[in-house]
Structures are given as C-alpha cells and as structure tokens.
Amino acid sequence: MSDALDAWQAQWPLLFRALADPDVAMPSPGNGGLEQACASWGALHHALRCLLGWEDVGRGLAWWYAAGRPVVDSPVLALVERVWGRDDLLDYYAAWAWKPEDVGWLRPQSTDPTHHPSPSWLAQHAIWRDEDWWRAFLRRGAVRRHDPFYGGSDPLHLSAHGGDEGAAPSPRARLMLQPGEHRAVLVAGELATWHADLHSAGQALPSLGERSWRVDVFDRLGGWLGEYRRSRVSGRWFTGRHAVHMQGIPGR
C-alpha cells in the first residue's frame, strides 16, 4: 500500500492491480463493518469519477444501464460489472447516484415521500425514470449492513471521499516528457494524490494543438495506474475510450 490511505482509499491498490491483471481477484462488497463498506464502494466511486472521468456518475450510469451495461469497450466498466455487478449490488450505488442528492431515507415509516422511498416519486424526481426498476429495487430492500443508498442522503460519504475531491498534488510527483511520441510518464508522489498529481502535471504539458498527450501514471509502490488523456471537450482526464468518458459529462 502506498503511504497512508484512508478508509475510502483502502482498496485503490487492489483496484489498479485488478485492472492491470485480469487474474487478480477483487472482492465484491461484503456484509462487514462500515470501514469495509467505505473501502469497497469508495473504490467503485473512484473508478467512475477518476478513471472514466465521469463528472456526473448518475448520468454515466443511466447511459450504461439503458444500453444493457456493455463492457466490451471499457476495461473499467468490465471490472465494475465483474465486482460490483454481482447479485445486483451495483444497483445500490446507481440508486444513490440517481436520486436527488439532498434526500435520503432514515425513517421508512414516514408518509412524507422525501423520507420514504416511493417508486413513483423516484421515477419522477430521479435521473433514472423507470418506475418498474425502482419498484423492483425497493422491494429488495437493504441486503447489506451498509450500502450507498440506505441510511441517509449520503450514508457512506462518497461525495466527499473516494473521488478526486479536495486532494492537493504532492511535491514528490515527477513528470517526464517524450515529445516526439506525444507521450509522458508521471510518477505520482503517492497513491492518495495520483489524480491531483496528474491534474497538476497536465498544466505543465505544452500544447499539441489537435493532438492529446498520453500520460502513463505510476505509483512508486503500486506500479502502473494506467494511461490517461485529457479530453479537449470536457477538460477532464480519463482512461479508455473518449465516447465512454463523455457519457458522464453534464450537458453533452
């Protein structure tokens, strides 16, 4: 593990190893304590926010669900399906990402629709408008002690952790250019700051006009974290296909 990682970052090393090597197994969310839940769902949130570069994960997931959750064009989504797609656990994250962000359900006995999850209310107010889907999802109820949907508006605090929010770049990060090939190598200062390091390093890259830099990112202890580009449309860094990245960008 690279330096000190918090609870939401604890599975990041395993996430990157599983992406680099399909033989590496990554467990799906278990039924343990709060820290275990934060680690597993935090890794998923990080994968969508920082690897795919989805600014709006709800929008991106709505596109993916509507398309039947294809994985052929995205190693990241293939891993998401393999790990969090088991037993439809991914639905709990998707439901959290789709619902209005300022509502949650702590008092299911309440008749107030903002405190009691109603399929019809969610179909009218959430990003995902399929009432039958919401009805089947809510009928299932909570199947884990901790999940992203039940327990408040953001019970696992994913909005503030697990993505790219609030991190400052490390002074230990090193960027090496290969101008003739439009490629660069970034050695992150530590795993916890890799995405902030990439954003900071990107500001130092000279313009290539209509071309894009491809940056291979490494962690000193964890190894290769992937190859990233910065979208000229969204301005965000991502790995994989640009078409997949753009599905999670507001106003596309």
Protein backbone atom coordinates (compact mmCIF):
# COMPACT_ATOMS: atom_id res chain seq x y z
CA MET A 1 0.00 0.00 0.00
CA SER A 2 1.36 3.42 -0.97
CA ASP A 3 1.84 5.65 2.05
CA ALA A 4 -1.23 6.27 4.22
CA LEU A 5 -4.63 5.64 2.67
CA ASP A 6 -7.92 6.45 4.37
CA ALA A 7 -10.90 4.08 4.59
CA TRP A 8 -12.31 5.15 1.21
CA GLN A 9 -8.93 4.66 -0.49
CA ALA A 10 -8.04 1.33 1.12
CA GLN A 11 -8.96 -0.76 -1.96
CA TRP A 12 -7.38 1.55 -4.53
CA PRO A 13 -4.22 -0.59 -4.79
CA LEU A 14 -6.33 -3.67 -5.47
CA LEU A 15 -8.46 -1.75 -7.96
CA PHE A 16 -5.43 -0.84 -10.06
CA ARG A 17 -3.91 -4.32 -9.81
CA ALA A 18 -7.18 -5.90 -10.95
CA LEU A 19 -7.34 -3.54 -13.93
CA ALA A 20 -3.74 -4.30 -14.92
CA ASP A 21 -4.08 -8.07 -14.43
CA PRO A 22 -7.41 -9.88 -15.06
CA ASP A 23 -6.18 -12.78 -12.90
CA VAL A 24 -6.21 -10.55 -9.81
CA ALA A 25 -9.44 -11.12 -7.90
CA MET A 26 -11.21 -8.18 -6.28
CA PRO A 27 -13.96 -8.97 -3.78
CA SER A 28 -17.48 -7.62 -4.18
CA PRO A 29 -18.94 -5.59 -1.29
CA GLY A 30 -19.23 -7.78 1.76
CA ASN A 31 -21.53 -7.57 4.75
CA GLY A 32 -18.95 -6.39 7.27
CA GLY A 33 -18.38 -3.12 9.06
CA LEU A 34 -18.59 0.47 7.94
CA GLU A 35 -14.91 0.77 7.01
CA GLN A 36 -15.13 -2.28 4.75
CA ALA A 37 -18.15 -0.79 3.01
CA CYS A 38 -16.43 2.58 2.57
CA ALA A 39 -13.41 0.82 1.05
CA SER A 40 -15.37 -1.20 -1.49
CA TRP A 41 -17.86 1.44 -2.57
CA GLY A 42 -15.14 4.09 -2.41
CA ALA A 43 -13.10 2.13 -4.95
CA LEU A 44 -16.11 1.99 -7.27
CA HIS A 45 -16.72 5.73 -6.89
CA HIS A 46 -13.05 6.39 -7.62
CA ALA A 47 -13.10 4.20 -10.73
CA LEU A 48 -16.03 6.07 -12.24
CA ARG A 49 -15.02 9.57 -11.16
CA CYS A 50 -11.27 9.46 -11.77
CA LEU A 51 -10.58 6.61 -14.19
CA LEU A 52 -13.52 7.12 -16.55
CA GLY A 53 -13.50 10.81 -15.67
CA TRP A 54 -17.27 10.93 -15.15
CA GLU A 55 -18.13 14.25 -13.57
CA ASP A 56 -21.76 13.10 -13.29
CA VAL A 57 -21.74 9.41 -12.38
CA GLY A 58 -25.55 9.32 -12.35
CA ARG A 59 -25.71 10.41 -15.97
CA GLY A 60 -22.98 7.95 -16.96
CA LEU A 61 -24.66 5.04 -15.20
CA ALA A 62 -28.05 5.90 -16.72
CA TRP A 63 -26.49 5.66 -20.19
CA TRP A 64 -24.80 2.37 -19.27
CA TYR A 65 -27.91 0.78 -17.78
CA ALA A 66 -30.05 1.88 -20.74
CA ALA A 67 -27.52 0.30 -23.11
CA GLY A 68 -27.66 -3.02 -21.22
CA ARG A 69 -24.39 -2.49 -19.31
CA PRO A 70 -21.98 -3.35 -22.17
CA VAL A 71 -18.36 -3.96 -21.19
CA VAL A 72 -16.61 -4.65 -24.49
CA ASP A 73 -15.43 -1.05 -24.96
CA SER A 74 -14.24 -0.38 -21.40
CA PRO A 75 -11.94 -2.42 -19.16
CA VAL A 76 -13.05 -0.22 -16.25
CA LEU A 77 -16.73 -0.99 -16.78
CA ALA A 78 -15.87 -4.66 -17.29
CA LEU A 79 -14.27 -4.69 -13.84
CA VAL A 80 -17.21 -2.77 -12.35
CA GLU A 81 -19.60 -5.37 -13.74
CA ARG A 82 -17.44 -8.26 -12.53
CA VAL A 83 -17.04 -6.94 -8.97
CA TRP A 84 -19.98 -4.71 -8.08
CA GLY A 85 -22.41 -6.20 -10.59
CA ARG A 86 -22.63 -9.44 -8.63
CA ASP A 87 -26.06 -10.01 -7.08
CA ASP A 88 -27.15 -6.63 -8.48
CA LEU A 89 -25.25 -4.81 -5.74
CA LEU A 90 -24.30 -2.12 -8.24
CA ASP A 91 -27.95 -1.02 -8.16
CA TYR A 92 -27.45 0.43 -4.67
CA TYR A 93 -24.71 2.73 -5.90
CA ALA A 94 -26.66 3.60 -9.04
CA ALA A 95 -29.77 4.40 -6.99
CA TRP A 96 -27.71 6.70 -4.78
CA ALA A 97 -26.21 8.43 -7.83
CA TRP A 98 -29.62 8.83 -9.48
CA LYS A 99 -31.72 10.16 -6.61
CA PRO A 100 -31.84 13.88 -5.79
CA GLU A 101 -28.68 14.50 -3.80
CA ASP A 102 -30.34 16.27 -0.88
CA VAL A 103 -32.78 13.50 0.07
CA GLY A 104 -32.33 10.23 1.91
CA TRP A 105 -34.35 7.70 3.85
CA LEU A 106 -33.81 7.29 7.56
CA ARG A 107 -37.46 6.99 8.57
CA PRO A 108 -39.15 4.49 6.23
CA GLN A 109 -42.34 4.59 8.32
CA SER A 110 -42.89 8.25 7.38
CA THR A 111 -45.61 9.14 4.86
CA ASP A 112 -43.52 12.05 3.59
CA PRO A 113 -42.21 10.92 0.16
CA THR A 114 -38.88 12.63 0.78
CA HIS A 115 -38.34 10.29 3.75
CA HIS A 116 -39.97 7.14 2.38
CA PRO A 117 -38.67 5.81 -0.95
CA SER A 118 -41.67 5.64 -3.28
CA PRO A 119 -41.17 4.13 -6.76
CA SER A 120 -43.43 6.71 -8.37
CA TRP A 121 -41.77 9.64 -6.56
CA LEU A 122 -38.30 8.42 -7.55
CA ALA A 123 -39.35 7.83 -11.16
CA GLN A 124 -40.48 11.46 -11.29
CA HIS A 125 -37.52 13.08 -9.49
CA ALA A 126 -34.50 10.81 -10.08
CA ILE A 127 -32.25 10.70 -13.14
CA TRP A 128 -33.43 7.16 -13.84
CA ARG A 129 -37.15 7.38 -14.71
CA ASP A 130 -38.05 3.68 -14.91
CA GLU A 131 -40.74 3.18 -12.25
CA ASP A 132 -40.72 -0.61 -12.64
CA TRP A 133 -36.98 -0.65 -11.97
CA TRP A 134 -37.43 1.43 -8.82
CA ARG A 135 -40.28 -0.77 -7.65
CA ALA A 136 -38.18 -3.95 -8.02
CA PHE A 137 -35.18 -2.28 -6.39
CA LEU A 138 -37.10 -1.01 -3.37
CA ARG A 139 -38.84 -4.35 -2.93
CA ARG A 140 -35.42 -5.91 -2.45
CA GLY A 141 -34.67 -3.60 0.48
CA ALA A 142 -31.29 -3.37 2.21
CA VAL A 143 -29.32 -6.59 1.75
CA ARG A 144 -26.07 -5.38 3.33
CA ARG A 145 -25.40 -3.71 6.67
CA HIS A 146 -24.02 -0.70 4.83
CA ASP A 147 -24.66 0.45 1.27
CA PRO A 148 -24.65 3.80 -0.57
CA PHE A 149 -28.45 4.16 -0.73
CA TYR A 150 -29.98 3.35 2.65
CA GLY A 151 -29.13 5.30 5.79
CA GLY A 152 -29.37 8.95 4.71
CA SER A 153 -28.67 11.18 1.75
CA ASP A 154 -25.04 10.02 1.56
CA PRO A 155 -24.55 7.35 4.25
CA LEU A 156 -21.03 6.36 3.15
CA HIS A 157 -19.93 9.97 2.49
CA LEU A 158 -18.89 9.08 -1.04
CA SER A 159 -19.47 12.64 -2.25
CA ALA A 160 -16.59 13.85 -0.12
CA HIS A 161 -14.34 10.79 -0.35
CA GLY A 162 -13.20 8.25 -2.88
CA GLY A 163 -13.20 10.55 -5.88
CA ASP A 164 -10.85 13.41 -6.73
CA GLU A 165 -12.30 15.94 -4.32
CA GLY A 166 -10.05 18.02 -2.11
CA ALA A 167 -6.67 16.37 -2.72
CA ALA A 168 -3.61 18.57 -3.16
CA PRO A 169 -0.80 17.49 -5.51
CA SER A 170 2.32 16.01 -3.96
CA PRO A 171 5.66 17.83 -4.29
CA ARG A 172 7.23 14.39 -4.79
CA ALA A 173 5.50 13.85 -8.16
CA ARG A 174 7.77 13.68 -11.21
CA LEU A 175 6.79 14.24 -14.86
CA MET A 176 8.98 13.07 -17.77
CA LEU A 177 8.16 14.02 -21.36
CA GLN A 178 8.62 12.10 -24.58
CA PRO A 179 7.78 14.95 -27.00
CA GLY A 180 8.48 13.10 -30.23
CA GLU A 181 5.88 10.49 -29.33
CA HIS A 182 3.40 12.88 -27.64
CA ARG A 183 3.74 10.75 -24.55
CA ALA A 184 4.71 11.42 -20.94
CA VAL A 185 5.35 9.45 -17.78
CA LEU A 186 4.13 10.64 -14.40
CA VAL A 187 5.43 9.12 -11.18
CA ALA A 188 2.89 10.14 -8.56
CA GLY A 189 4.09 11.39 -5.23
CA GLU A 190 1.86 8.83 -3.53
CA LEU A 191 -1.21 6.83 -4.44
CA ALA A 192 -3.56 9.05 -2.44
CA THR A 193 -2.61 12.07 -4.60
CA TRP A 194 -2.16 10.46 -8.01
CA HIS A 195 -5.16 12.16 -9.60
CA ALA A 196 -4.27 15.59 -8.20
CA ASP A 197 -0.69 14.99 -9.39
CA LEU A 198 -1.98 14.18 -12.88
CA HIS A 199 -4.13 17.32 -12.99
CA SER A 200 -1.19 19.44 -11.82
CA ALA A 201 1.25 17.84 -14.26
CA GLY A 202 -1.19 18.33 -17.10
CA GLN A 203 -0.99 22.07 -16.62
CA ALA A 204 2.75 21.89 -17.36
CA LEU A 205 2.36 19.96 -20.62
CA PRO A 206 2.90 22.07 -23.78
CA SER A 207 0.01 22.30 -26.20
CA LEU A 208 -0.10 19.76 -29.03
CA GLY A 209 -2.85 21.53 -30.95
CA GLU A 210 -5.36 18.92 -32.07
CA ARG A 211 -3.33 16.10 -30.57
CA SER A 212 -3.55 14.83 -27.00
CA TRP A 213 -0.80 13.86 -24.60
CA ARG A 214 -0.96 10.27 -23.40
CA VAL A 215 0.35 10.04 -19.87
CA ASP A 216 1.33 6.75 -18.24
CA VAL A 217 0.88 7.14 -14.50
CA PHE A 218 2.87 5.12 -11.97
CA ASP A 219 2.82 4.85 -8.20
CA ARG A 220 6.19 4.22 -6.57
CA LEU A 221 4.92 1.22 -4.61
CA GLY A 222 1.85 0.11 -6.52
CA GLY A 223 3.15 0.24 -10.07
CA TRP A 224 1.24 1.22 -13.23
CA LEU A 225 -2.05 3.08 -12.73
CA GLY A 226 -2.99 3.31 -16.39
CA GLU A 227 -2.68 5.55 -19.45
CA TYR A 228 -4.65 8.80 -19.36
CA ARG A 229 -5.65 11.56 -21.77
CA ARG A 230 -7.28 14.91 -21.16
CA SER A 231 -10.47 15.46 -23.12
CA ARG A 232 -10.46 18.64 -25.20
CA VAL A 233 -14.25 18.70 -24.75
CA SER A 234 -14.68 18.15 -21.01
CA GLY A 235 -11.20 19.17 -19.83
CA ARG A 236 -11.11 16.08 -17.59
CA TRP A 237 -8.55 13.26 -17.53
CA PHE A 238 -9.74 9.75 -18.36
CA THR A 239 -8.60 6.31 -19.43
CA GLY A 240 -10.17 4.27 -22.20
CA ARG A 241 -12.46 5.46 -24.99
CA HIS A 242 -13.46 9.11 -25.21
CA ALA A 243 -17.01 8.14 -26.16
CA VAL A 244 -17.42 6.30 -22.86
CA HIS A 245 -15.89 9.19 -20.92
CA MET A 246 -18.33 11.68 -22.44
CA GLN A 247 -21.36 9.75 -21.22
CA GLY A 248 -20.70 11.04 -17.70
CA ILE A 249 -20.26 14.71 -18.64
CA PRO A 250 -23.16 17.12 -17.94
CA GLY A 251 -24.65 18.89 -20.93
CA ARG A 252 -23.00 16.65 -23.51
